[in-house]
Amino acid sequence: MYARSSTFAAQRSSIDRGIAYLHNTMMPNMPDLHGWVGMSLMVDRATGRCIATTAWESETAMHDSSMRIRSLRDGLAEALNGSVDSIEEWEVAVMHRDHLAGASACTRCTWIQVDPAGVDLAIQTFKSGLLPELEKIEGFRSASLFVDRATGRGVGSTVWSSREELDNSRPHVDRLRDAATRVMRAEVLEVAEFRLGFAHLRVPELV
């Protein structure tokens, strides 16, 4: 499983228009693309930062989609009245869903850097060390880990049932992150929180 994430700098007043574009324009086109298995949009209404992610059953399917996705991505940038800041491609190393995300779901993303030789250690630590503890926290819905094996860069994401549960989980998750990144020998590059503005995922359970 692979994923492509596109980060947008949007006008805050246009975020709802961007979400509508995903519903009305992107979604009807996506099932026609071979190997497509899901899409999501995370939004930060305070800053206008938005991250759209498409998931693919193989690296080949992801790369074959690039031309078609480019036009849809440009359309999303226009709907958001913004610009594309970055595009990244990932291997989906972990996808774990405890419960379906609801309408009020929020996400927390942690970008990390490890030595490329340590990617498998990071994946195993996420699976065996973090996930069992996350499942014990009230409001936890799902977690994923995307990695770039060539660079050692990764991003772990957790989904929570509401902003309240996201806020309540923060001290506990901070402690878990500190412990896990020590085991991984990872540098934490950034931690950011978002509202899950849109999600349609058909990806299977991987752990």
N, C-alpha and C. Protein backbone atom coordinates (compact mmCIF):
# COMPACT_ATOMS: atom_id res chain seq x y z
N MET A 1 0.84 -1.18 0.00
CA MET A 1 0.00 0.00 0.00
C MET A 1 0.89 1.24 0.00
N TYR A 2 0.50 2.23 -0.81
CA TYR A 2 1.29 3.46 -0.94
C TYR A 2 0.35 4.66 -0.86
N ALA A 3 0.92 5.82 -0.59
CA ALA A 3 0.12 7.04 -0.45
C ALA A 3 0.88 8.24 -0.98
N ARG A 4 0.13 9.17 -1.52
CA ARG A 4 0.68 10.46 -1.95
C ARG A 4 -0.02 11.54 -1.15
N SER A 5 0.75 12.38 -0.48
CA SER A 5 0.16 13.48 0.28
C SER A 5 0.57 14.82 -0.32
N SER A 6 -0.40 15.71 -0.43
CA SER A 6 -0.19 17.05 -0.98
C SER A 6 -0.58 18.06 0.08
N THR A 7 0.35 18.94 0.41
CA THR A 7 0.10 19.97 1.42
C THR A 7 -0.22 21.29 0.72
N PHE A 8 -1.32 21.91 1.15
CA PHE A 8 -1.80 23.16 0.54
C PHE A 8 -1.75 24.29 1.56
N ALA A 9 -1.42 25.48 1.08
CA ALA A 9 -1.61 26.70 1.85
C ALA A 9 -2.89 27.34 1.33
N ALA A 10 -3.97 27.21 2.09
CA ALA A 10 -5.30 27.62 1.64
C ALA A 10 -5.73 28.91 2.33
N GLN A 11 -6.65 29.60 1.67
CA GLN A 11 -7.35 30.68 2.34
C GLN A 11 -8.34 30.05 3.32
N ARG A 12 -8.31 30.48 4.55
CA ARG A 12 -9.17 29.85 5.56
C ARG A 12 -10.64 29.92 5.18
N SER A 13 -11.03 31.01 4.55
CA SER A 13 -12.44 31.17 4.18
C SER A 13 -12.85 30.25 3.04
N SER A 14 -11.88 29.59 2.39
CA SER A 14 -12.18 28.73 1.25
C SER A 14 -12.11 27.24 1.58
N ILE A 15 -11.85 26.90 2.83
CA ILE A 15 -11.68 25.49 3.17
C ILE A 15 -12.96 24.69 2.91
N ASP A 16 -14.11 25.24 3.25
CA ASP A 16 -15.36 24.50 2.99
C ASP A 16 -15.57 24.29 1.49
N ARG A 17 -15.13 25.24 0.68
CA ARG A 17 -15.23 25.08 -0.77
C ARG A 17 -14.31 23.96 -1.24
N GLY A 18 -13.14 23.84 -0.62
CA GLY A 18 -12.23 22.76 -0.95
C GLY A 18 -12.81 21.40 -0.59
N ILE A 19 -13.44 21.31 0.58
CA ILE A 19 -14.08 20.06 0.99
C ILE A 19 -15.18 19.69 0.01
N ALA A 20 -15.96 20.68 -0.42
CA ALA A 20 -17.02 20.43 -1.40
C ALA A 20 -16.44 19.94 -2.72
N TYR A 21 -15.29 20.48 -3.11
CA TYR A 21 -14.63 20.03 -4.35
C TYR A 21 -14.25 18.56 -4.25
N LEU A 22 -13.75 18.14 -3.10
CA LEU A 22 -13.42 16.73 -2.92
C LEU A 22 -14.66 15.86 -3.07
N HIS A 23 -15.75 16.27 -2.43
CA HIS A 23 -16.99 15.51 -2.51
C HIS A 23 -17.53 15.44 -3.93
N ASN A 24 -17.61 16.60 -4.58
CA ASN A 24 -18.38 16.71 -5.81
C ASN A 24 -17.59 16.50 -7.09
N THR A 25 -16.29 16.76 -7.05
CA THR A 25 -15.48 16.67 -8.27
C THR A 25 -14.45 15.55 -8.20
N MET A 26 -13.70 15.49 -7.10
CA MET A 26 -12.66 14.47 -7.03
C MET A 26 -13.23 13.07 -6.82
N MET A 27 -14.13 12.92 -5.86
CA MET A 27 -14.62 11.58 -5.54
C MET A 27 -15.25 10.87 -6.73
N PRO A 28 -16.06 11.52 -7.57
CA PRO A 28 -16.63 10.81 -8.71
C PRO A 28 -15.57 10.30 -9.69
N ASN A 29 -14.39 10.94 -9.71
CA ASN A 29 -13.33 10.53 -10.64
C ASN A 29 -12.41 9.45 -10.08
N MET A 30 -12.28 9.38 -8.78
CA MET A 30 -11.27 8.51 -8.19
C MET A 30 -11.50 7.02 -8.45
N PRO A 31 -12.72 6.50 -8.36
CA PRO A 31 -12.89 5.06 -8.59
C PRO A 31 -12.47 4.60 -9.99
N ASP A 32 -12.39 5.53 -10.94
CA ASP A 32 -11.95 5.17 -12.30
C ASP A 32 -10.44 4.95 -12.38
N LEU A 33 -9.70 5.38 -11.37
CA LEU A 33 -8.24 5.26 -11.39
C LEU A 33 -7.82 3.90 -10.84
N HIS A 34 -7.09 3.16 -11.65
CA HIS A 34 -6.68 1.81 -11.27
C HIS A 34 -5.85 1.83 -9.98
N GLY A 35 -6.24 1.00 -9.04
CA GLY A 35 -5.47 0.86 -7.82
C GLY A 35 -5.77 1.85 -6.73
N TRP A 36 -6.71 2.77 -6.96
CA TRP A 36 -7.04 3.75 -5.92
C TRP A 36 -7.83 3.07 -4.80
N VAL A 37 -7.46 3.35 -3.55
CA VAL A 37 -8.15 2.71 -2.43
C VAL A 37 -8.60 3.69 -1.34
N GLY A 38 -8.35 4.98 -1.49
CA GLY A 38 -8.83 5.89 -0.46
C GLY A 38 -8.32 7.31 -0.60
N MET A 39 -8.98 8.21 0.12
CA MET A 39 -8.61 9.62 0.07
C MET A 39 -9.04 10.29 1.37
N SER A 40 -8.26 11.26 1.82
CA SER A 40 -8.62 12.03 3.01
C SER A 40 -8.14 13.46 2.86
N LEU A 41 -8.73 14.34 3.67
CA LEU A 41 -8.29 15.73 3.73
C LEU A 41 -8.27 16.16 5.18
N MET A 42 -7.11 16.60 5.65
CA MET A 42 -6.97 17.16 6.98
C MET A 42 -6.86 18.67 6.86
N VAL A 43 -7.54 19.39 7.75
CA VAL A 43 -7.56 20.84 7.64
C VAL A 43 -7.25 21.49 8.99
N ASP A 44 -6.52 22.59 8.92
CA ASP A 44 -6.28 23.45 10.07
C ASP A 44 -6.93 24.79 9.74
N ARG A 45 -8.09 25.01 10.31
CA ARG A 45 -8.84 26.22 9.97
C ARG A 45 -8.19 27.48 10.54
N ALA A 46 -7.31 27.33 11.51
CA ALA A 46 -6.64 28.50 12.08
C ALA A 46 -5.55 29.03 11.16
N THR A 47 -4.86 28.14 10.46
CA THR A 47 -3.72 28.55 9.63
C THR A 47 -3.98 28.43 8.13
N GLY A 48 -4.99 27.62 7.74
CA GLY A 48 -5.23 27.36 6.32
C GLY A 48 -4.42 26.21 5.77
N ARG A 49 -3.63 25.57 6.58
CA ARG A 49 -2.85 24.41 6.12
C ARG A 49 -3.78 23.21 5.94
N CYS A 50 -3.71 22.59 4.78
CA CYS A 50 -4.53 21.42 4.47
C CYS A 50 -3.65 20.35 3.85
N ILE A 51 -3.90 19.09 4.18
CA ILE A 51 -3.14 17.98 3.62
C ILE A 51 -4.11 16.97 3.03
N ALA A 52 -4.05 16.79 1.72
CA ALA A 52 -4.86 15.80 1.02
C ALA A 52 -4.01 14.57 0.75
N THR A 53 -4.55 13.40 1.02
CA THR A 53 -3.81 12.15 0.83
C THR A 53 -4.64 11.18 0.01
N THR A 54 -4.02 10.59 -1.00
CA THR A 54 -4.65 9.52 -1.76
C THR A 54 -3.87 8.24 -1.51
N ALA A 55 -4.58 7.12 -1.37
CA ALA A 55 -3.95 5.83 -1.09
C ALA A 55 -4.12 4.90 -2.29
N TRP A 56 -3.08 4.07 -2.51
CA TRP A 56 -3.00 3.23 -3.71
C TRP A 56 -2.55 1.83 -3.34
N GLU A 57 -3.05 0.84 -4.09
CA GLU A 57 -2.74 -0.54 -3.74
C GLU A 57 -1.31 -0.93 -4.06
N SER A 58 -0.63 -0.17 -4.92
CA SER A 58 0.76 -0.47 -5.26
C SER A 58 1.49 0.81 -5.64
N GLU A 59 2.81 0.74 -5.62
CA GLU A 59 3.62 1.88 -6.03
C GLU A 59 3.40 2.19 -7.50
N THR A 60 3.23 1.15 -8.31
CA THR A 60 2.98 1.35 -9.74
C THR A 60 1.68 2.10 -9.96
N ALA A 61 0.63 1.70 -9.25
CA ALA A 61 -0.66 2.39 -9.39
C ALA A 61 -0.54 3.85 -8.99
N MET A 62 0.20 4.12 -7.93
CA MET A 62 0.38 5.51 -7.49
C MET A 62 1.08 6.33 -8.57
N HIS A 63 2.15 5.78 -9.14
CA HIS A 63 2.89 6.52 -10.15
C HIS A 63 2.09 6.67 -11.44
N ASP A 64 1.33 5.63 -11.82
CA ASP A 64 0.53 5.70 -13.04
C ASP A 64 -0.57 6.76 -12.94
N SER A 65 -0.97 7.09 -11.72
CA SER A 65 -2.06 8.05 -11.52
C SER A 65 -1.60 9.49 -11.57
N SER A 66 -0.29 9.72 -11.64
CA SER A 66 0.24 11.06 -11.36
C SER A 66 -0.30 12.14 -12.28
N MET A 67 -0.43 11.85 -13.57
CA MET A 67 -0.90 12.88 -14.51
C MET A 67 -2.36 13.24 -14.24
N ARG A 68 -3.20 12.22 -14.03
CA ARG A 68 -4.61 12.48 -13.76
C ARG A 68 -4.79 13.20 -12.43
N ILE A 69 -4.03 12.78 -11.45
CA ILE A 69 -4.15 13.40 -10.13
C ILE A 69 -3.68 14.85 -10.16
N ARG A 70 -2.71 15.14 -11.01
CA ARG A 70 -2.18 16.51 -11.07
C ARG A 70 -3.28 17.51 -11.39
N SER A 71 -4.13 17.19 -12.36
CA SER A 71 -5.19 18.12 -12.73
C SER A 71 -6.21 18.26 -11.60
N LEU A 72 -6.53 17.15 -10.92
CA LEU A 72 -7.46 17.21 -9.79
C LEU A 72 -6.84 17.99 -8.63
N ARG A 73 -5.54 17.81 -8.42
CA ARG A 73 -4.85 18.55 -7.35
C ARG A 73 -4.86 20.05 -7.65
N ASP A 74 -4.62 20.40 -8.90
CA ASP A 74 -4.66 21.82 -9.28
C ASP A 74 -6.05 22.40 -9.06
N GLY A 75 -7.08 21.59 -9.35
CA GLY A 75 -8.44 22.03 -9.11
C GLY A 75 -8.73 22.23 -7.64
N LEU A 76 -8.18 21.35 -6.81
CA LEU A 76 -8.36 21.50 -5.37
C LEU A 76 -7.66 22.75 -4.86
N ALA A 77 -6.46 23.01 -5.36
CA ALA A 77 -5.75 24.23 -4.96
C ALA A 77 -6.56 25.47 -5.33
N GLU A 78 -7.17 25.44 -6.50
CA GLU A 78 -8.00 26.57 -6.93
C GLU A 78 -9.22 26.72 -6.03
N ALA A 79 -9.86 25.59 -5.70
CA ALA A 79 -11.03 25.65 -4.82
C ALA A 79 -10.66 26.18 -3.44
N LEU A 80 -9.48 25.84 -2.98
CA LEU A 80 -9.01 26.32 -1.68
C LEU A 80 -8.48 27.75 -1.74
N ASN A 81 -8.43 28.31 -2.97
CA ASN A 81 -7.88 29.65 -3.17
C ASN A 81 -6.47 29.73 -2.59
N GLY A 82 -5.69 28.67 -2.89
CA GLY A 82 -4.36 28.59 -2.32
C GLY A 82 -3.36 27.98 -3.28
N SER A 83 -2.30 27.42 -2.73
CA SER A 83 -1.22 26.86 -3.54
C SER A 83 -0.76 25.54 -2.94
N VAL A 84 -0.08 24.73 -3.78
CA VAL A 84 0.49 23.47 -3.31
C VAL A 84 1.88 23.75 -2.74
N ASP A 85 2.06 23.46 -1.47
CA ASP A 85 3.36 23.68 -0.82
C ASP A 85 4.32 22.52 -1.04
N SER A 86 3.80 21.30 -0.98
CA SER A 86 4.68 20.14 -1.12
C SER A 86 3.88 18.91 -1.52
N ILE A 87 4.56 17.96 -2.16
CA ILE A 87 3.98 16.67 -2.53
C ILE A 87 4.96 15.60 -2.09
N GLU A 88 4.46 14.61 -1.35
CA GLU A 88 5.31 13.53 -0.86
C GLU A 88 4.67 12.19 -1.16
N GLU A 89 5.51 11.19 -1.41
CA GLU A 89 5.03 9.83 -1.67
C GLU A 89 5.59 8.91 -0.59
N TRP A 90 4.73 7.97 -0.16
CA TRP A 90 5.05 7.15 1.01
C TRP A 90 4.68 5.69 0.78
N GLU A 91 5.35 4.83 1.52
CA GLU A 91 4.88 3.46 1.73
C GLU A 91 3.99 3.47 2.98
N VAL A 92 2.82 2.86 2.89
CA VAL A 92 1.95 2.76 4.06
C VAL A 92 2.40 1.53 4.86
N ALA A 93 3.17 1.78 5.90
CA ALA A 93 3.75 0.68 6.67
C ALA A 93 2.78 0.11 7.69
N VAL A 94 1.91 0.95 8.24
CA VAL A 94 0.92 0.53 9.23
C VAL A 94 -0.38 1.25 8.95
N MET A 95 -1.49 0.51 8.98
CA MET A 95 -2.82 1.11 8.90
C MET A 95 -3.70 0.31 9.86
N HIS A 96 -4.05 0.93 10.96
CA HIS A 96 -4.78 0.23 12.02
C HIS A 96 -6.03 1.03 12.37
N ARG A 97 -7.19 0.40 12.19
CA ARG A 97 -8.45 1.08 12.51
C ARG A 97 -9.14 0.36 13.65
N ASP A 98 -9.29 1.04 14.77
CA ASP A 98 -9.99 0.49 15.93
C ASP A 98 -11.49 0.75 15.80
N HIS A 99 -11.83 1.95 15.34
CA HIS A 99 -13.23 2.35 15.13
C HIS A 99 -13.27 3.27 13.92
N LEU A 100 -14.44 3.39 13.31
CA LEU A 100 -14.60 4.34 12.22
C LEU A 100 -14.57 5.76 12.78
N ALA A 101 -13.98 6.67 12.01
CA ALA A 101 -13.96 8.08 12.41
C ALA A 101 -15.34 8.69 12.21
N GLY A 102 -15.78 9.51 13.15
CA GLY A 102 -17.06 10.17 13.03
C GLY A 102 -16.94 11.55 12.43
N ALA A 103 -18.07 12.26 12.43
CA ALA A 103 -18.12 13.57 11.78
C ALA A 103 -17.27 14.62 12.49
N SER A 104 -16.96 14.39 13.77
CA SER A 104 -16.18 15.37 14.54
C SER A 104 -14.72 14.97 14.70
N ALA A 105 -14.27 14.00 13.93
CA ALA A 105 -12.93 13.43 14.13
C ALA A 105 -11.82 14.45 13.90
N CYS A 106 -10.76 14.30 14.69
CA CYS A 106 -9.56 15.13 14.57
C CYS A 106 -8.34 14.23 14.48
N THR A 107 -7.25 14.77 13.96
CA THR A 107 -6.04 13.97 13.78
C THR A 107 -4.83 14.68 14.39
N ARG A 108 -3.87 13.87 14.80
CA ARG A 108 -2.58 14.38 15.25
C ARG A 108 -1.51 13.69 14.41
N CYS A 109 -0.64 14.47 13.80
CA CYS A 109 0.41 13.93 12.93
C CYS A 109 1.78 14.27 13.51
N THR A 110 2.66 13.29 13.49
CA THR A 110 4.03 13.47 13.96
C THR A 110 4.99 13.07 12.86
N TRP A 111 5.76 14.03 12.38
CA TRP A 111 6.77 13.76 11.35
C TRP A 111 8.09 13.44 12.04
N ILE A 112 8.73 12.36 11.59
CA ILE A 112 9.97 11.93 12.21
C ILE A 112 11.05 11.69 11.16
N GLN A 113 12.28 11.68 11.64
CA GLN A 113 13.43 11.34 10.80
C GLN A 113 14.25 10.28 11.51
N VAL A 114 14.49 9.16 10.82
CA VAL A 114 15.37 8.12 11.35
C VAL A 114 16.44 7.82 10.31
N ASP A 115 17.47 7.12 10.73
CA ASP A 115 18.43 6.62 9.76
C ASP A 115 17.70 5.65 8.83
N PRO A 116 17.90 5.73 7.52
CA PRO A 116 17.19 4.82 6.61
C PRO A 116 17.35 3.35 6.99
N ALA A 117 18.46 3.00 7.58
CA ALA A 117 18.66 1.61 8.00
C ALA A 117 17.78 1.24 9.20
N GLY A 118 17.20 2.25 9.85
CA GLY A 118 16.39 2.01 11.03
C GLY A 118 14.89 2.07 10.79
N VAL A 119 14.48 2.10 9.53
CA VAL A 119 13.05 2.21 9.22
C VAL A 119 12.27 1.02 9.76
N ASP A 120 12.79 -0.19 9.59
CA ASP A 120 12.07 -1.37 10.07
C ASP A 120 11.92 -1.36 11.59
N LEU A 121 12.93 -0.87 12.29
CA LEU A 121 12.82 -0.73 13.75
C LEU A 121 11.71 0.25 14.11
N ALA A 122 11.63 1.36 13.38
CA ALA A 122 10.57 2.35 13.64
C ALA A 122 9.20 1.73 13.41
N ILE A 123 9.05 0.96 12.34
CA ILE A 123 7.76 0.32 12.05
C ILE A 123 7.39 -0.65 13.16
N GLN A 124 8.33 -1.49 13.56
CA GLN A 124 8.05 -2.48 14.60
C GLN A 124 7.72 -1.82 15.93
N THR A 125 8.42 -0.73 16.25
CA THR A 125 8.14 -0.01 17.49
C THR A 125 6.75 0.60 17.46
N PHE A 126 6.36 1.14 16.32
CA PHE A 126 5.02 1.71 16.18
C PHE A 126 3.96 0.63 16.39
N LYS A 127 4.18 -0.54 15.76
CA LYS A 127 3.19 -1.62 15.85
C LYS A 127 3.10 -2.22 17.25
N SER A 128 4.25 -2.57 17.81
CA SER A 128 4.24 -3.35 19.04
C SER A 128 4.31 -2.49 20.30
N GLY A 129 4.86 -1.28 20.18
CA GLY A 129 4.99 -0.43 21.34
C GLY A 129 3.91 0.62 21.47
N LEU A 130 3.62 1.30 20.37
CA LEU A 130 2.66 2.41 20.42
C LEU A 130 1.20 1.96 20.32
N LEU A 131 0.89 1.13 19.33
CA LEU A 131 -0.51 0.80 19.08
C LEU A 131 -1.24 0.22 20.29
N PRO A 132 -0.66 -0.76 20.99
CA PRO A 132 -1.38 -1.30 22.15
C PRO A 132 -1.70 -0.25 23.20
N GLU A 133 -0.83 0.73 23.35
CA GLU A 133 -1.06 1.80 24.33
C GLU A 133 -2.09 2.80 23.83
N LEU A 134 -2.03 3.13 22.55
CA LEU A 134 -3.00 4.06 21.99
C LEU A 134 -4.42 3.52 22.11
N GLU A 135 -4.57 2.21 21.92
CA GLU A 135 -5.90 1.60 21.96
C GLU A 135 -6.56 1.73 23.33
N LYS A 136 -5.77 1.98 24.36
CA LYS A 136 -6.30 2.11 25.72
C LYS A 136 -6.84 3.51 26.00
N ILE A 137 -6.56 4.47 25.13
CA ILE A 137 -6.90 5.86 25.40
C ILE A 137 -8.30 6.16 24.89
N GLU A 138 -9.09 6.82 25.71
CA GLU A 138 -10.47 7.17 25.35
C GLU A 138 -10.49 8.04 24.10
N GLY A 139 -11.34 7.66 23.16
CA GLY A 139 -11.52 8.45 21.95
C GLY A 139 -10.63 8.07 20.79
N PHE A 140 -9.70 7.12 21.00
CA PHE A 140 -8.83 6.69 19.90
C PHE A 140 -9.64 5.97 18.83
N ARG A 141 -9.38 6.32 17.57
CA ARG A 141 -10.12 5.72 16.46
C ARG A 141 -9.22 4.93 15.52
N SER A 142 -8.09 5.47 15.13
CA SER A 142 -7.22 4.76 14.19
C SER A 142 -5.83 5.36 14.22
N ALA A 143 -4.90 4.63 13.61
CA ALA A 143 -3.51 5.10 13.52
C ALA A 143 -2.89 4.58 12.24
N SER A 144 -1.94 5.35 11.73
CA SER A 144 -1.21 4.92 10.54
C SER A 144 0.23 5.41 10.64
N LEU A 145 1.09 4.73 9.90
CA LEU A 145 2.49 5.15 9.79
C LEU A 145 2.89 5.07 8.33
N PHE A 146 3.30 6.21 7.77
CA PHE A 146 3.81 6.28 6.40
C PHE A 146 5.33 6.45 6.49
N VAL A 147 6.06 5.78 5.60
CA VAL A 147 7.52 5.90 5.62
C VAL A 147 8.06 6.08 4.21
N ASP A 148 9.20 6.74 4.14
CA ASP A 148 10.00 6.82 2.93
C ASP A 148 11.31 6.11 3.26
N ARG A 149 11.45 4.89 2.77
CA ARG A 149 12.61 4.08 3.14
C ARG A 149 13.92 4.68 2.64
N ALA A 150 13.87 5.39 1.54
CA ALA A 150 15.10 5.94 0.97
C ALA A 150 15.69 7.05 1.83
N THR A 151 14.82 7.86 2.42
CA THR A 151 15.28 9.02 3.19
C THR A 151 15.22 8.81 4.70
N GLY A 152 14.43 7.83 5.16
CA GLY A 152 14.24 7.64 6.58
C GLY A 152 13.21 8.56 7.19
N ARG A 153 12.49 9.28 6.35
CA ARG A 153 11.45 10.18 6.84
C ARG A 153 10.16 9.40 7.03
N GLY A 154 9.37 9.79 8.01
CA GLY A 154 8.09 9.13 8.24
C GLY A 154 7.10 10.07 8.88
N VAL A 155 5.83 9.67 8.85
CA VAL A 155 4.79 10.43 9.54
C VAL A 155 3.79 9.46 10.15
N GLY A 156 3.62 9.59 11.46
CA GLY A 156 2.63 8.79 12.17
C GLY A 156 1.41 9.65 12.45
N SER A 157 0.23 9.09 12.21
CA SER A 157 -1.01 9.84 12.39
C SER A 157 -1.97 9.04 13.27
N THR A 158 -2.65 9.75 14.14
CA THR A 158 -3.71 9.14 14.95
C THR A 158 -4.99 9.93 14.75
N VAL A 159 -6.11 9.23 14.77
CA VAL A 159 -7.42 9.85 14.61
C VAL A 159 -8.18 9.69 15.92
N TRP A 160 -8.84 10.77 16.34
CA TRP A 160 -9.57 10.81 17.60
C TRP A 160 -11.01 11.23 17.32
N SER A 161 -11.91 10.82 18.20
CA SER A 161 -13.34 10.97 17.92
C SER A 161 -13.79 12.42 17.90
N SER A 162 -13.10 13.31 18.62
CA SER A 162 -13.52 14.71 18.71
C SER A 162 -12.34 15.57 19.12
N ARG A 163 -12.52 16.86 19.04
CA ARG A 163 -11.49 17.80 19.51
C ARG A 163 -11.25 17.61 21.00
N GLU A 164 -12.31 17.36 21.75
CA GLU A 164 -12.16 17.16 23.20
C GLU A 164 -11.27 15.95 23.49
N GLU A 165 -11.52 14.84 22.78
CA GLU A 165 -10.72 13.64 23.00
C GLU A 165 -9.28 13.85 22.53
N LEU A 166 -9.11 14.59 21.44
CA LEU A 166 -7.76 14.93 20.98
C LEU A 166 -7.01 15.70 22.06
N ASP A 167 -7.67 16.71 22.61
CA ASP A 167 -7.05 17.52 23.66
C ASP A 167 -6.73 16.68 24.90
N ASN A 168 -7.69 15.85 25.31
CA ASN A 168 -7.50 15.05 26.52
C ASN A 168 -6.36 14.04 26.37
N SER A 169 -6.15 13.57 25.14
CA SER A 169 -5.13 12.55 24.92
C SER A 169 -3.71 13.11 24.88
N ARG A 170 -3.59 14.42 24.75
CA ARG A 170 -2.28 15.02 24.44
C ARG A 170 -1.19 14.67 25.47
N PRO A 171 -1.42 14.84 26.78
CA PRO A 171 -0.33 14.53 27.72
C PRO A 171 0.11 13.07 27.66
N HIS A 172 -0.86 12.16 27.55
CA HIS A 172 -0.53 10.73 27.48
C HIS A 172 0.24 10.42 26.20
N VAL A 173 -0.23 10.96 25.08
CA VAL A 173 0.43 10.70 23.80
C VAL A 173 1.82 11.32 23.77
N ASP A 174 1.99 12.47 24.40
CA ASP A 174 3.33 13.08 24.47
C ASP A 174 4.32 12.13 25.14
N ARG A 175 3.89 11.49 26.23
CA ARG A 175 4.77 10.55 26.94
C ARG A 175 5.07 9.33 26.08
N LEU A 176 4.04 8.81 25.41
CA LEU A 176 4.24 7.65 24.53
C LEU A 176 5.19 7.98 23.39
N ARG A 177 5.03 9.18 22.82
CA ARG A 177 5.90 9.59 21.71
C ARG A 177 7.35 9.68 22.17
N ASP A 178 7.56 10.28 23.33
CA ASP A 178 8.92 10.42 23.83
C ASP A 178 9.58 9.05 23.99
N ALA A 179 8.84 8.10 24.55
CA ALA A 179 9.39 6.77 24.77
C ALA A 179 9.65 6.06 23.45
N ALA A 180 8.69 6.15 22.52
CA ALA A 180 8.82 5.44 21.24
C ALA A 180 9.95 6.00 20.40
N THR A 181 10.08 7.31 20.36
CA THR A 181 11.13 7.89 19.52
C THR A 181 12.52 7.61 20.08
N ARG A 182 12.62 7.42 21.40
CA ARG A 182 13.92 7.01 21.96
C ARG A 182 14.29 5.62 21.46
N VAL A 183 13.31 4.72 21.45
CA VAL A 183 13.57 3.36 20.96
C VAL A 183 13.92 3.38 19.48
N MET A 184 13.18 4.19 18.72
CA MET A 184 13.41 4.30 17.27
C MET A 184 14.70 5.03 16.93
N ARG A 185 15.22 5.78 17.90
CA ARG A 185 16.34 6.70 17.65
C ARG A 185 15.93 7.70 16.57
N ALA A 186 14.74 8.26 16.77
CA ALA A 186 14.14 9.17 15.79
C ALA A 186 14.19 10.61 16.27
N GLU A 187 14.35 11.50 15.33
CA GLU A 187 14.21 12.94 15.58
C GLU A 187 12.78 13.34 15.22
N VAL A 188 12.11 14.00 16.14
CA VAL A 188 10.76 14.51 15.87
C VAL A 188 10.90 15.84 15.13
N LEU A 189 10.39 15.88 13.91
CA LEU A 189 10.50 17.08 13.08
C LEU A 189 9.36 18.06 13.35
N GLU A 190 8.16 17.52 13.57
CA GLU A 190 6.99 18.38 13.78
C GLU A 190 5.85 17.55 14.33
N VAL A 191 5.03 18.17 15.16
CA VAL A 191 3.76 17.60 15.60
C VAL A 191 2.68 18.63 15.27
N ALA A 192 1.63 18.20 14.58
CA ALA A 192 0.55 19.12 14.19
C ALA A 192 -0.79 18.44 14.35
N GLU A 193 -1.81 19.24 14.62
CA GLU A 193 -3.16 18.72 14.81
C GLU A 193 -4.11 19.34 13.80
N PHE A 194 -5.07 18.53 13.35
CA PHE A 194 -5.98 18.92 12.29
C PHE A 194 -7.39 18.40 12.57
N ARG A 195 -8.34 19.00 11.90
CA ARG A 195 -9.69 18.43 11.80
C ARG A 195 -9.71 17.52 10.58
N LEU A 196 -10.33 16.36 10.70
CA LEU A 196 -10.46 15.47 9.56
C LEU A 196 -11.65 15.94 8.74
N GLY A 197 -11.35 16.70 7.68
CA GLY A 197 -12.41 17.33 6.89
C GLY A 197 -13.12 16.38 5.96
N PHE A 198 -12.42 15.32 5.55
CA PHE A 198 -12.99 14.37 4.59
C PHE A 198 -12.20 13.07 4.68
N ALA A 199 -12.89 11.94 4.63
CA ALA A 199 -12.19 10.65 4.61
C ALA A 199 -13.06 9.61 3.92
N HIS A 200 -12.47 8.94 2.97
CA HIS A 200 -13.11 7.80 2.30
C HIS A 200 -12.01 6.78 2.07
N LEU A 201 -11.95 5.78 2.93
CA LEU A 201 -10.83 4.84 2.90
C LEU A 201 -11.32 3.42 2.72
N ARG A 202 -10.72 2.74 1.77
CA ARG A 202 -11.01 1.33 1.55
C ARG A 202 -9.80 0.47 1.86
N VAL A 203 -8.80 1.05 2.52
CA VAL A 203 -7.57 0.30 2.78
C VAL A 203 -7.82 -0.80 3.79
N PRO A 204 -7.15 -1.94 3.64
CA PRO A 204 -7.35 -3.05 4.57
C PRO A 204 -6.59 -2.84 5.87
N GLU A 205 -6.92 -3.66 6.85
CA GLU A 205 -6.17 -3.69 8.11
C GLU A 205 -4.82 -4.33 7.85
N LEU A 206 -3.76 -3.68 8.27
CA LEU A 206 -2.42 -4.20 7.99
C LEU A 206 -1.73 -4.75 9.23
N VAL A 207 -2.30 -4.56 10.41
CA VAL A 207 -1.67 -5.09 11.61
C VAL A 207 -2.71 -5.81 12.45
